[in-house]
Amino acid sequence: MSGALGVVRDVVGLALLLSGLVVCGLGVLALLRMPDVYLRMNTASKAVTAGVALTLFGAAALSEAPLWLKAIGTTFFLLFTTPIAAFSAARAAHRRRSPKAGCTEVDELEDATRRGGR
């Protein structure tokens, strides 16, 4: 594409790529600042999902090939699988008795375990 539409596409693509980079970078900083493994997993899963989605859409906007469908499919895959993976990792950390931060007030999984749940 050439002309004004090509310039707009390039600007939008670069803005999306830069936004994805910033979100992933902020996710890394938040990962370093969180006090326990549970908050780190929450932060990492959200930052990775948003950052990768923005980066994929930016790459699709800059590409000459029609990558939109792949970007959308990959984003939906991440939206569905990342929370499951984070939950599984948090459950494993809880079973290993990883220490919680002092700001953690409620532990519903511990309460359910005491009542006879899994």
PDB file of N, CA and C in Angstrom:
ATOM      1  N   MET A   1       0.841  -1.181   0.000  1.00  0.00           N
ATOM      2  CA  MET A   1       0.000   0.000   0.000  1.00  0.00           C
ATOM      3  C   MET A   1       0.880   1.235   0.000  1.00  0.00           C
ATOM      4  N   SER A   2       0.418   2.214  -0.651  1.00  0.00           N
ATOM      5  CA  SER A   2       1.168   3.455  -0.667  1.00  0.00           C
ATOM      6  C   SER A   2       0.211   4.604  -0.413  1.00  0.00           C
ATOM      7  N   GLY A   3       0.785   5.752  -0.225  1.00  0.00           N
ATOM      8  CA  GLY A   3      -0.044   6.923   0.009  1.00  0.00           C
ATOM      9  C   GLY A   3      -0.406   7.091   1.466  1.00  0.00           C
ATOM     10  N   ALA A   4      -1.479   7.839   1.664  1.00  0.00           N
ATOM     11  CA  ALA A   4      -1.897   8.189   3.022  1.00  0.00           C
ATOM     12  C   ALA A   4      -2.326   6.966   3.828  1.00  0.00           C
ATOM     13  N   LEU A   5      -2.975   5.996   3.163  1.00  0.00           N
ATOM     14  CA  LEU A   5      -3.434   4.810   3.882  1.00  0.00           C
ATOM     15  C   LEU A   5      -2.252   3.981   4.376  1.00  0.00           C
ATOM     16  N   GLY A   6      -1.195   3.908   3.587  1.00  0.00           N
ATOM     17  CA  GLY A   6       0.002   3.191   4.004  1.00  0.00           C
ATOM     18  C   GLY A   6       0.686   3.852   5.184  1.00  0.00           C
ATOM     19  N   VAL A   7       0.699   5.173   5.184  1.00  0.00           N
ATOM     20  CA  VAL A   7       1.316   5.902   6.299  1.00  0.00           C
ATOM     21  C   VAL A   7       0.515   5.686   7.578  1.00  0.00           C
ATOM     22  N   VAL A   8      -0.803   5.755   7.480  1.00  0.00           N
ATOM     23  CA  VAL A   8      -1.662   5.537   8.653  1.00  0.00           C
ATOM     24  C   VAL A   8      -1.471   4.123   9.181  1.00  0.00           C
ATOM     25  N   ARG A   9      -1.413   3.152   8.269  1.00  0.00           N
ATOM     26  CA  ARG A   9      -1.203   1.760   8.688  1.00  0.00           C
ATOM     27  C   ARG A   9       0.129   1.602   9.403  1.00  0.00           C
ATOM     28  N   ASP A  10       1.171   2.230   8.881  1.00  0.00           N
ATOM     29  CA  ASP A  10       2.487   2.152   9.513  1.00  0.00           C
ATOM     30  C   ASP A  10       2.497   2.804  10.891  1.00  0.00           C
ATOM     31  N   VAL A  11       1.853   3.943  11.014  1.00  0.00           N
ATOM     32  CA  VAL A  11       1.815   4.641  12.301  1.00  0.00           C
ATOM     33  C   VAL A  11       1.036   3.822  13.327  1.00  0.00           C
ATOM     34  N   VAL A  12      -0.095   3.277  12.918  1.00  0.00           N
ATOM     35  CA  VAL A  12      -0.901   2.456  13.826  1.00  0.00           C
ATOM     36  C   VAL A  12      -0.124   1.195  14.219  1.00  0.00           C
ATOM     37  N   GLY A  13       0.527   0.564  13.252  1.00  0.00           N
ATOM     38  CA  GLY A  13       1.304  -0.634  13.550  1.00  0.00           C
ATOM     39  C   GLY A  13       2.440  -0.364  14.514  1.00  0.00           C
ATOM     40  N   LEU A  14       3.170   0.722  14.293  1.00  0.00           N
ATOM     41  CA  LEU A  14       4.262   1.073  15.202  1.00  0.00           C
ATOM     42  C   LEU A  14       3.746   1.445  16.589  1.00  0.00           C
ATOM     43  N   ALA A  15       2.604   2.146  16.625  1.00  0.00           N
ATOM     44  CA  ALA A  15       2.023   2.493  17.930  1.00  0.00           C
ATOM     45  C   ALA A  15       1.618   1.234  18.701  1.00  0.00           C
ATOM     46  N   LEU A  16       1.050   0.252  18.000  1.00  0.00           N
ATOM     47  CA  LEU A  16       0.666  -0.994  18.666  1.00  0.00           C
ATOM     48  C   LEU A  16       1.890  -1.770  19.134  1.00  0.00           C
ATOM     49  N   LEU A  17       2.925  -1.822  18.304  1.00  0.00           N
ATOM     50  CA  LEU A  17       4.155  -2.503  18.717  1.00  0.00           C
ATOM     51  C   LEU A  17       4.779  -1.828  19.933  1.00  0.00           C
ATOM     52  N   LEU A  18       4.828  -0.517  19.914  1.00  0.00           N
ATOM     53  CA  LEU A  18       5.397   0.217  21.048  1.00  0.00           C
ATOM     54  C   LEU A  18       4.546   0.025  22.303  1.00  0.00           C
ATOM     55  N   SER A  19       3.236   0.032  22.133  1.00  0.00           N
ATOM     56  CA  SER A  19       2.348  -0.197  23.282  1.00  0.00           C
ATOM     57  C   SER A  19       2.559  -1.583  23.869  1.00  0.00           C
ATOM     58  N   GLY A  20       2.697  -2.594  23.020  1.00  0.00           N
ATOM     59  CA  GLY A  20       2.961  -3.947  23.502  1.00  0.00           C
ATOM     60  C   GLY A  20       4.276  -4.032  24.254  1.00  0.00           C
ATOM     61  N   LEU A  21       5.294  -3.332  23.744  1.00  0.00           N
ATOM     62  CA  LEU A  21       6.589  -3.308  24.417  1.00  0.00           C
ATOM     63  C   LEU A  21       6.485  -2.637  25.779  1.00  0.00           C
ATOM     64  N   VAL A  22       5.764  -1.534  25.847  1.00  0.00           N
ATOM     65  CA  VAL A  22       5.602  -0.810  27.116  1.00  0.00           C
ATOM     66  C   VAL A  22       4.835  -1.660  28.123  1.00  0.00           C
ATOM     67  N   VAL A  23       3.773  -2.315  27.687  1.00  0.00           N
ATOM     68  CA  VAL A  23       2.981  -3.149  28.599  1.00  0.00           C
ATOM     69  C   VAL A  23       3.821  -4.300  29.131  1.00  0.00           C
ATOM     70  N   CYS A  24       4.578  -4.953  28.252  1.00  0.00           N
ATOM     71  CA  CYS A  24       5.442  -6.049  28.718  1.00  0.00           C
ATOM     72  C   CYS A  24       6.526  -5.533  29.659  1.00  0.00           C
ATOM     73  N   GLY A  25       7.085  -4.367  29.361  1.00  0.00           N
ATOM     74  CA  GLY A  25       8.095  -3.775  30.239  1.00  0.00           C
ATOM     75  C   GLY A  25       7.533  -3.421  31.602  1.00  0.00           C
ATOM     76  N   LEU A  26       6.343  -2.837  31.617  1.00  0.00           N
ATOM     77  CA  LEU A  26       5.701  -2.536  32.896  1.00  0.00           C
ATOM     78  C   LEU A  26       5.365  -3.809  33.662  1.00  0.00           C
ATOM     79  N   GLY A  27       5.012  -4.865  32.929  1.00  0.00           N
ATOM     80  CA  GLY A  27       4.750  -6.149  33.575  1.00  0.00           C
ATOM     81  C   GLY A  27       5.989  -6.705  34.248  1.00  0.00           C
ATOM     82  N   VAL A  28       7.150  -6.529  33.602  1.00  0.00           N
ATOM     83  CA  VAL A  28       8.401  -6.987  34.217  1.00  0.00           C
ATOM     84  C   VAL A  28       8.699  -6.183  35.475  1.00  0.00           C
ATOM     85  N   LEU A  29       8.510  -4.873  35.413  1.00  0.00           N
ATOM     86  CA  LEU A  29       8.735  -4.050  36.609  1.00  0.00           C
ATOM     87  C   LEU A  29       7.782  -4.431  37.742  1.00  0.00           C
ATOM     88  N   ALA A  30       6.527  -4.665  37.390  1.00  0.00           N
ATOM     89  CA  ALA A  30       5.556  -5.076  38.412  1.00  0.00           C
ATOM     90  C   ALA A  30       5.915  -6.443  38.974  1.00  0.00           C
ATOM     91  N   LEU A  31       6.437  -7.319  38.118  1.00  0.00           N
ATOM     92  CA  LEU A  31       6.853  -8.640  38.564  1.00  0.00           C
ATOM     93  C   LEU A  31       7.950  -8.550  39.613  1.00  0.00           C
ATOM     94  N   LEU A  32       8.848  -7.601  39.434  1.00  0.00           N
ATOM     95  CA  LEU A  32       9.934  -7.421  40.392  1.00  0.00           C
ATOM     96  C   LEU A  32       9.461  -6.789  41.703  1.00  0.00           C
ATOM     97  N   ARG A  33       8.386  -6.037  41.640  1.00  0.00           N
ATOM     98  CA  ARG A  33       7.912  -5.325  42.832  1.00  0.00           C
ATOM     99  C   ARG A  33       6.928  -6.121  43.682  1.00  0.00           C
ATOM    100  N   MET A  34       6.288  -7.130  43.132  1.00  0.00           N
ATOM    101  CA  MET A  34       5.277  -7.872  43.875  1.00  0.00           C
ATOM    102  C   MET A  34       5.916  -8.706  44.982  1.00  0.00           C
ATOM    103  N   PRO A  35       5.271  -8.765  46.153  1.00  0.00           N
ATOM    104  CA  PRO A  35       5.895  -9.400  47.322  1.00  0.00           C
ATOM    105  C   PRO A  35       5.824 -10.924  47.359  1.00  0.00           C
ATOM    106  N   ASP A  36       4.875 -11.547  46.674  1.00  0.00           N
ATOM    107  CA  ASP A  36       4.794 -13.002  46.770  1.00  0.00           C
ATOM    108  C   ASP A  36       4.483 -13.620  45.409  1.00  0.00           C
ATOM    109  N   VAL A  37       4.544 -14.937  45.363  1.00  0.00           N
ATOM    110  CA  VAL A  37       4.410 -15.659  44.107  1.00  0.00           C
ATOM    111  C   VAL A  37       3.005 -15.514  43.524  1.00  0.00           C
ATOM    112  N   TYR A  38       2.003 -15.365  44.330  1.00  0.00           N
ATOM    113  CA  TYR A  38       0.632 -15.277  43.855  1.00  0.00           C
ATOM    114  C   TYR A  38       0.392 -13.957  43.116  1.00  0.00           C
ATOM    115  N   LEU A  39       0.856 -12.877  43.692  1.00  0.00           N
ATOM    116  CA  LEU A  39       0.721 -11.584  43.025  1.00  0.00           C
ATOM    117  C   LEU A  39       1.595 -11.502  41.780  1.00  0.00           C
ATOM    118  N   ARG A  40       2.742 -12.143  41.807  1.00  0.00           N
ATOM    119  CA  ARG A  40       3.617 -12.162  40.629  1.00  0.00           C
ATOM    120  C   ARG A  40       2.956 -12.901  39.471  1.00  0.00           C
ATOM    121  N   MET A  41       2.312 -14.012  39.756  1.00  0.00           N
ATOM    122  CA  MET A  41       1.626 -14.754  38.691  1.00  0.00           C
ATOM    123  C   MET A  41       0.473 -13.957  38.112  1.00  0.00           C
ATOM    124  N   ASN A  42      -0.266 -13.293  38.954  1.00  0.00           N
ATOM    125  CA  ASN A  42      -1.374 -12.469  38.491  1.00  0.00           C
ATOM    126  C   ASN A  42      -0.870 -11.358  37.574  1.00  0.00           C
ATOM    127  N   THR A  43       0.173 -10.676  38.005  1.00  0.00           N
ATOM    128  CA  THR A  43       0.736  -9.585  37.222  1.00  0.00           C
ATOM    129  C   THR A  43       1.299 -10.085  35.901  1.00  0.00           C
ATOM    130  N   ALA A  44       2.050 -11.167  35.960  1.00  0.00           N
ATOM    131  CA  ALA A  44       2.686 -11.692  34.745  1.00  0.00           C
ATOM    132  C   ALA A  44       1.651 -12.158  33.732  1.00  0.00           C
ATOM    133  N   SER A  45       0.617 -12.832  34.188  1.00  0.00           N
ATOM    134  CA  SER A  45      -0.370 -13.351  33.237  1.00  0.00           C
ATOM    135  C   SER A  45      -1.123 -12.222  32.537  1.00  0.00           C
ATOM    136  N   LYS A  46      -1.469 -11.193  33.248  1.00  0.00           N
ATOM    137  CA  LYS A  46      -2.173 -10.071  32.626  1.00  0.00           C
ATOM    138  C   LYS A  46      -1.270  -9.284  31.677  1.00  0.00           C
ATOM    139  N   ALA A  47      -0.041  -9.030  32.105  1.00  0.00           N
ATOM    140  CA  ALA A  47       0.876  -8.255  31.268  1.00  0.00           C
ATOM    141  C   ALA A  47       1.254  -9.015  30.006  1.00  0.00           C
ATOM    142  N   VAL A  48       1.488 -10.300  30.124  1.00  0.00           N
ATOM    143  CA  VAL A  48       1.856 -11.086  28.949  1.00  0.00           C
ATOM    144  C   VAL A  48       0.706 -11.129  27.954  1.00  0.00           C
ATOM    145  N   THR A  49      -0.500 -11.366  28.427  1.00  0.00           N
ATOM    146  CA  THR A  49      -1.648 -11.434  27.525  1.00  0.00           C
ATOM    147  C   THR A  49      -1.851 -10.118  26.783  1.00  0.00           C
ATOM    148  N   ALA A  50      -1.857  -9.018  27.505  1.00  0.00           N
ATOM    149  CA  ALA A  50      -2.079  -7.722  26.865  1.00  0.00           C
ATOM    150  C   ALA A  50      -0.902  -7.326  25.971  1.00  0.00           C
ATOM    151  N   GLY A  51       0.318  -7.523  26.446  1.00  0.00           N
ATOM    152  CA  GLY A  51       1.493  -7.134  25.672  1.00  0.00           C
ATOM    153  C   GLY A  51       1.644  -7.926  24.392  1.00  0.00           C
ATOM    154  N   VAL A  52       1.441  -9.234  24.467  1.00  0.00           N
ATOM    155  CA  VAL A  52       1.557 -10.061  23.267  1.00  0.00           C
ATOM    156  C   VAL A  52       0.440  -9.749  22.286  1.00  0.00           C
ATOM    157  N   ALA A  53      -0.762  -9.526  22.773  1.00  0.00           N
ATOM    158  CA  ALA A  53      -1.864  -9.182  21.871  1.00  0.00           C
ATOM    159  C   ALA A  53      -1.578  -7.880  21.129  1.00  0.00           C
ATOM    160  N   LEU A  54      -1.121  -6.862  21.839  1.00  0.00           N
ATOM    161  CA  LEU A  54      -0.792  -5.594  21.176  1.00  0.00           C
ATOM    162  C   LEU A  54       0.338  -5.771  20.170  1.00  0.00           C
ATOM    163  N   THR A  55       1.349  -6.548  20.526  1.00  0.00           N
ATOM    164  CA  THR A  55       2.464  -6.783  19.622  1.00  0.00           C
ATOM    165  C   THR A  55       2.008  -7.546  18.376  1.00  0.00           C
ATOM    166  N   LEU A  56       1.160  -8.535  18.547  1.00  0.00           N
ATOM    167  CA  LEU A  56       0.652  -9.288  17.399  1.00  0.00           C
ATOM    168  C   LEU A  56      -0.150  -8.401  16.459  1.00  0.00           C
ATOM    169  N   PHE A  57      -1.004  -7.568  17.018  1.00  0.00           N
ATOM    170  CA  PHE A  57      -1.800  -6.689  16.164  1.00  0.00           C
ATOM    171  C   PHE A  57      -0.932  -5.643  15.478  1.00  0.00           C
ATOM    172  N   GLY A  58       0.123  -5.195  16.152  1.00  0.00           N
ATOM    173  CA  GLY A  58       1.056  -4.275  15.516  1.00  0.00           C
ATOM    174  C   GLY A  58       1.800  -4.933  14.371  1.00  0.00           C
ATOM    175  N   ALA A  59       2.236  -6.167  14.577  1.00  0.00           N
ATOM    176  CA  ALA A  59       2.916  -6.896  13.506  1.00  0.00           C
ATOM    177  C   ALA A  59       1.976  -7.166  12.337  1.00  0.00           C
ATOM    178  N   ALA A  60       0.724  -7.469  12.642  1.00  0.00           N
ATOM    179  CA  ALA A  60      -0.248  -7.695  11.577  1.00  0.00           C
ATOM    180  C   ALA A  60      -0.509  -6.417  10.791  1.00  0.00           C
ATOM    181  N   ALA A  61      -0.530  -5.287  11.469  1.00  0.00           N
ATOM    182  CA  ALA A  61      -0.766  -4.022  10.778  1.00  0.00           C
ATOM    183  C   ALA A  61       0.417  -3.653   9.878  1.00  0.00           C
ATOM    184  N   LEU A  62       1.617  -3.982  10.277  1.00  0.00           N
ATOM    185  CA  LEU A  62       2.807  -3.641   9.503  1.00  0.00           C
ATOM    186  C   LEU A  62       3.101  -4.641   8.387  1.00  0.00           C
ATOM    187  N   SER A  63       2.549  -5.824   8.466  1.00  0.00           N
ATOM    188  CA  SER A  63       2.859  -6.872   7.508  1.00  0.00           C
ATOM    189  C   SER A  63       2.071  -6.684   6.214  1.00  0.00           C
ATOM    190  N   GLU A  64       2.703  -7.080   5.132  1.00  0.00           N
ATOM    191  CA  GLU A  64       2.012  -7.076   3.842  1.00  0.00           C
ATOM    192  C   GLU A  64       1.084  -8.285   3.719  1.00  0.00           C
ATOM    193  N   ALA A  65       1.433  -9.356   4.406  1.00  0.00           N
ATOM    194  CA  ALA A  65       0.614 -10.567   4.365  1.00  0.00           C
ATOM    195  C   ALA A  65      -0.598 -10.399   5.278  1.00  0.00           C
ATOM    196  N   PRO A  66      -1.670 -11.090   4.973  1.00  0.00           N
ATOM    197  CA  PRO A  66      -2.865 -10.995   5.835  1.00  0.00           C
ATOM    198  C   PRO A  66      -2.693 -11.816   7.116  1.00  0.00           C
ATOM    199  N   LEU A  67      -2.170 -11.198   8.136  1.00  0.00           N
ATOM    200  CA  LEU A  67      -1.922 -11.875   9.413  1.00  0.00           C
ATOM    201  C   LEU A  67      -3.000 -11.607  10.454  1.00  0.00           C
ATOM    202  N   TRP A  68      -4.029 -10.866  10.105  1.00  0.00           N
ATOM    203  CA  TRP A  68      -5.038 -10.488  11.094  1.00  0.00           C
ATOM    204  C   TRP A  68      -5.724 -11.692  11.718  1.00  0.00           C
ATOM    205  N   LEU A  69      -6.051 -12.670  10.875  1.00  0.00           N
ATOM    206  CA  LEU A  69      -6.749 -13.839  11.393  1.00  0.00           C
ATOM    207  C   LEU A  69      -5.873 -14.620  12.369  1.00  0.00           C
ATOM    208  N   LYS A  70      -4.585 -14.747  12.064  1.00  0.00           N
ATOM    209  CA  LYS A  70      -3.670 -15.428  12.977  1.00  0.00           C
ATOM    210  C   LYS A  70      -3.493 -14.644  14.272  1.00  0.00           C
ATOM    211  N   ALA A  71      -3.425 -13.324  14.174  1.00  0.00           N
ATOM    212  CA  ALA A  71      -3.277 -12.494  15.372  1.00  0.00           C
ATOM    213  C   ALA A  71      -4.512 -12.613  16.268  1.00  0.00           C
ATOM    214  N   ILE A  72      -5.677 -12.604  15.662  1.00  0.00           N
ATOM    215  CA  ILE A  72      -6.917 -12.734  16.439  1.00  0.00           C
ATOM    216  C   ILE A  72      -7.005 -14.118  17.074  1.00  0.00           C
ATOM    217  N   GLY A  73      -6.682 -15.155  16.303  1.00  0.00           N
ATOM    218  CA  GLY A  73      -6.726 -16.518  16.839  1.00  0.00           C
ATOM    219  C   GLY A  73      -5.746 -16.720  17.984  1.00  0.00           C
ATOM    220  N   THR A  74      -4.535 -16.197  17.824  1.00  0.00           N
ATOM    221  CA  THR A  74      -3.537 -16.333  18.879  1.00  0.00           C
ATOM    222  C   THR A  74      -3.952 -15.561  20.123  1.00  0.00           C
ATOM    223  N   THR A  75      -4.533 -14.382  19.941  1.00  0.00           N
ATOM    224  CA  THR A  75      -4.995 -13.592  21.080  1.00  0.00           C
ATOM    225  C   THR A  75      -6.105 -14.314  21.834  1.00  0.00           C
ATOM    226  N   PHE A  76      -7.064 -14.890  21.109  1.00  0.00           N
ATOM    227  CA  PHE A  76      -8.118 -15.649  21.786  1.00  0.00           C
ATOM    228  C   PHE A  76      -7.546 -16.860  22.510  1.00  0.00           C
ATOM    229  N   PHE A  77      -6.578 -17.528  21.895  1.00  0.00           N
ATOM    230  CA  PHE A  77      -5.928 -18.664  22.551  1.00  0.00           C
ATOM    231  C   PHE A  77      -5.283 -18.214  23.861  1.00  0.00           C
ATOM    232  N   LEU A  78      -4.574 -17.096  23.837  1.00  0.00           N
ATOM    233  CA  LEU A  78      -3.950 -16.575  25.064  1.00  0.00           C
ATOM    234  C   LEU A  78      -4.993 -16.173  26.097  1.00  0.00           C
ATOM    235  N   LEU A  79      -6.069 -15.547  25.648  1.00  0.00           N
ATOM    236  CA  LEU A  79      -7.113 -15.122  26.582  1.00  0.00           C
ATOM    237  C   LEU A  79      -7.751 -16.308  27.294  1.00  0.00           C
ATOM    238  N   PHE A  80      -7.826 -17.450  26.619  1.00  0.00           N
ATOM    239  CA  PHE A  80      -8.443 -18.612  27.238  1.00  0.00           C
ATOM    240  C   PHE A  80      -7.461 -19.458  28.037  1.00  0.00           C
ATOM    241  N   THR A  81      -6.192 -19.515  27.639  1.00  0.00           N
ATOM    242  CA  THR A  81      -5.265 -20.431  28.296  1.00  0.00           C
ATOM    243  C   THR A  81      -4.426 -19.791  29.398  1.00  0.00           C
ATOM    244  N   THR A  82      -4.130 -18.510  29.298  1.00  0.00           N
ATOM    245  CA  THR A  82      -3.277 -17.873  30.305  1.00  0.00           C
ATOM    246  C   THR A  82      -3.903 -17.894  31.700  1.00  0.00           C
ATOM    247  N   PRO A  83      -5.185 -17.579  31.867  1.00  0.00           N
ATOM    248  CA  PRO A  83      -5.763 -17.668  33.216  1.00  0.00           C
ATOM    249  C   PRO A  83      -5.743 -19.091  33.789  1.00  0.00           C
ATOM    250  N   ILE A  84      -5.924 -20.085  32.924  1.00  0.00           N
ATOM    251  CA  ILE A  84      -5.899 -21.471  33.394  1.00  0.00           C
ATOM    252  C   ILE A  84      -4.495 -21.841  33.856  1.00  0.00           C
ATOM    253  N   ALA A  85      -3.494 -21.435  33.088  1.00  0.00           N
ATOM    254  CA  ALA A  85      -2.115 -21.725  33.465  1.00  0.00           C
ATOM    255  C   ALA A  85      -1.730 -21.007  34.760  1.00  0.00           C
ATOM    256  N   ALA A  86      -2.136 -19.753  34.897  1.00  0.00           N
ATOM    257  CA  ALA A  86      -1.825 -19.004  36.121  1.00  0.00           C
ATOM    258  C   ALA A  86      -2.527 -19.630  37.329  1.00  0.00           C
ATOM    259  N   PHE A  87      -3.767 -20.058  37.153  1.00  0.00           N
ATOM    260  CA  PHE A  87      -4.489 -20.707  38.250  1.00  0.00           C
ATOM    261  C   PHE A  87      -3.802 -22.008  38.654  1.00  0.00           C
ATOM    262  N   SER A  88      -3.391 -22.791  37.669  1.00  0.00           N
ATOM    263  CA  SER A  88      -2.730 -24.065  37.971  1.00  0.00           C
ATOM    264  C   SER A  88      -1.413 -23.847  38.710  1.00  0.00           C
ATOM    265  N   ALA A  89      -0.653 -22.855  38.272  1.00  0.00           N
ATOM    266  CA  ALA A  89       0.614 -22.559  38.942  1.00  0.00           C
ATOM    267  C   ALA A  89       0.374 -22.041  40.361  1.00  0.00           C
ATOM    268  N   ALA A  90      -0.650 -21.203  40.535  1.00  0.00           N
ATOM    269  CA  ALA A  90      -0.969 -20.683  41.870  1.00  0.00           C
ATOM    270  C   ALA A  90      -1.449 -21.808  42.783  1.00  0.00           C
ATOM    271  N   ARG A  91      -2.202 -22.730  42.244  1.00  0.00           N
ATOM    272  CA  ARG A  91      -2.680 -23.863  43.045  1.00  0.00           C
ATOM    273  C   ARG A  91      -1.501 -24.731  43.492  1.00  0.00           C
ATOM    274  N   ALA A  92      -0.547 -24.948  42.577  1.00  0.00           N
ATOM    275  CA  ALA A  92       0.639 -25.729  42.935  1.00  0.00           C
ATOM    276  C   ALA A  92       1.466 -24.997  43.998  1.00  0.00           C
ATOM    277  N   ALA A  93       1.595 -23.683  43.869  1.00  0.00           N
ATOM    278  CA  ALA A  93       2.335 -22.909  44.869  1.00  0.00           C
ATOM    279  C   ALA A  93       1.629 -22.971  46.219  1.00  0.00           C
ATOM    280  N   HIS A  94       0.306 -22.953  46.204  1.00  0.00           N
ATOM    281  CA  HIS A  94      -0.459 -23.025  47.445  1.00  0.00           C
ATOM    282  C   HIS A  94      -0.273 -24.381  48.111  1.00  0.00           C
ATOM    283  N   ARG A  95      -0.260 -25.430  47.313  1.00  0.00           N
ATOM    284  CA  ARG A  95      -0.057 -26.775  47.875  1.00  0.00           C
ATOM    285  C   ARG A  95       1.341 -26.931  48.454  1.00  0.00           C
ATOM    286  N   ARG A  96       2.316 -26.211  47.890  1.00  0.00           N
ATOM    287  CA  ARG A  96       3.682 -26.268  48.409  1.00  0.00           C
ATOM    288  C   ARG A  96       3.860 -25.333  49.601  1.00  0.00           C
ATOM    289  N   ARG A  97       2.772 -24.652  49.973  1.00  0.00           N
ATOM    290  CA  ARG A  97       2.784 -23.726  51.108  1.00  0.00           C
ATOM    291  C   ARG A  97       3.745 -22.560  50.884  1.00  0.00           C
ATOM    292  N   SER A  98       3.723 -22.006  49.684  1.00  0.00           N
ATOM    293  CA  SER A  98       4.528 -20.809  49.421  1.00  0.00           C
ATOM    294  C   SER A  98       4.031 -19.688  50.314  1.00  0.00           C
ATOM    295  N   PRO A  99       4.932 -18.925  50.889  1.00  0.00           N
ATOM    296  CA  PRO A  99       4.510 -17.875  51.817  1.00  0.00           C
ATOM    297  C   PRO A  99       3.714 -16.779  51.118  1.00  0.00           C
ATOM    298  N   LYS A 100       2.711 -16.288  51.825  1.00  0.00           N
ATOM    299  CA  LYS A 100       1.875 -15.201  51.308  1.00  0.00           C
ATOM    300  C   LYS A 100       2.395 -13.870  51.826  1.00  0.00           C
ATOM    301  N   ALA A 101       2.073 -12.813  51.102  1.00  0.00           N
ATOM    302  CA  ALA A 101       2.461 -11.473  51.530  1.00  0.00           C
ATOM    303  C   ALA A 101       1.648 -11.082  52.757  1.00  0.00           C
ATOM    304  N   GLY A 102       2.150 -10.125  53.488  1.00  0.00           N
ATOM    305  CA  GLY A 102       1.447  -9.656  54.676  1.00  0.00           C
ATOM    306  C   GLY A 102       0.120  -9.002  54.358  1.00  0.00           C
ATOM    307  N   CYS A 103      -0.034  -8.516  53.129  1.00  0.00           N
ATOM    308  CA  CYS A 103      -1.282  -7.841  52.759  1.00  0.00           C
ATOM    309  C   CYS A 103      -2.389  -8.824  52.386  1.00  0.00           C
ATOM    310  N   THR A 104      -2.087 -10.110  52.322  1.00  0.00           N
ATOM    311  CA  THR A 104      -3.097 -11.115  51.997  1.00  0.00           C
ATOM    312  C   THR A 104      -3.972 -11.346  53.221  1.00  0.00           C
ATOM    313  N   GLU A 105      -5.242 -11.018  53.080  1.00  0.00           N
ATOM    314  CA  GLU A 105      -6.151 -11.126  54.205  1.00  0.00           C
ATOM    315  C   GLU A 105      -7.040 -12.359  54.139  1.00  0.00           C
ATOM    316  N   VAL A 106      -7.410 -12.767  52.924  1.00  0.00           N
ATOM    317  CA  VAL A 106      -8.347 -13.869  52.762  1.00  0.00           C
ATOM    318  C   VAL A 106      -7.672 -14.969  51.953  1.00  0.00           C
ATOM    319  N   ASP A 107      -7.802 -16.182  52.428  1.00  0.00           N
ATOM    320  CA  ASP A 107      -7.299 -17.344  51.703  1.00  0.00           C
ATOM    321  C   ASP A 107      -8.448 -18.337  51.598  1.00  0.00           C
ATOM    322  N   GLU A 108      -9.267 -18.193  50.569  1.00  0.00           N
ATOM    323  CA  GLU A 108     -10.444 -19.038  50.414  1.00  0.00           C
ATOM    324  C   GLU A 108     -10.080 -20.487  50.133  1.00  0.00           C
ATOM    325  N   LEU A 109      -8.976 -20.715  49.453  1.00  0.00           N
ATOM    326  CA  LEU A 109      -8.573 -22.088  49.165  1.00  0.00           C
ATOM    327  C   LEU A 109      -8.179 -22.821  50.438  1.00  0.00           C
ATOM    328  N   GLU A 110      -7.508 -22.136  51.338  1.00  0.00           N
ATOM    329  CA  GLU A 110      -7.141 -22.746  52.623  1.00  0.00           C
ATOM    330  C   GLU A 110      -8.392 -23.058  53.441  1.00  0.00           C
ATOM    331  N   ASP A 111      -9.353 -22.139  53.428  1.00  0.00           N
ATOM    332  CA  ASP A 111     -10.603 -22.380  54.149  1.00  0.00           C
ATOM    333  C   ASP A 111     -11.355 -23.582  53.572  1.00  0.00           C
ATOM    334  N   ALA A 112     -11.385 -23.696  52.259  1.00  0.00           N
ATOM    335  CA  ALA A 112     -12.080 -24.816  51.621  1.00  0.00           C
ATOM    336  C   ALA A 112     -11.357 -26.129  51.902  1.00  0.00           C
ATOM    337  N   THR A 113     -10.033 -26.091  51.949  1.00  0.00           N
ATOM    338  CA  THR A 113      -9.254 -27.289  52.232  1.00  0.00           C
ATOM    339  C   THR A 113      -9.513 -27.783  53.648  1.00  0.00           C
ATOM    340  N   ARG A 114      -9.642 -26.869  54.579  1.00  0.00           N
ATOM    341  CA  ARG A 114      -9.923 -27.244  55.962  1.00  0.00           C
ATOM    342  C   ARG A 114     -11.310 -27.866  56.110  1.00  0.00           C
ATOM    343  N   ARG A 115     -12.250 -27.414  55.294  1.00  0.00           N
ATOM    344  CA  ARG A 115     -13.619 -27.945  55.359  1.00  0.00           C
ATOM    345  C   ARG A 115     -13.753 -29.284  54.645  1.00  0.00           C
ATOM    346  N   GLY A 116     -12.673 -29.753  54.024  1.00  0.00           N
ATOM    347  CA  GLY A 116     -12.749 -31.057  53.370  1.00  0.00           C
ATOM    348  C   GLY A 116     -12.767 -31.003  51.862  1.00  0.00           C
ATOM    349  N   GLY A 117     -12.583 -29.866  51.301  1.00  0.00           N
ATOM    350  CA  GLY A 117     -12.519 -29.762  49.845  1.00  0.00           C
ATOM    351  C   GLY A 117     -11.170 -30.189  49.347  1.00  0.00           C
ATOM    352  N   ARG A 118     -10.934 -30.037  48.084  1.00  0.00           N
ATOM    353  CA  ARG A 118      -9.659 -30.419  47.502  1.00  0.00           C
ATOM    354  C   ARG A 118      -8.708 -29.298  47.678  1.00  0.00           C
TER     355      ARG A 118
END
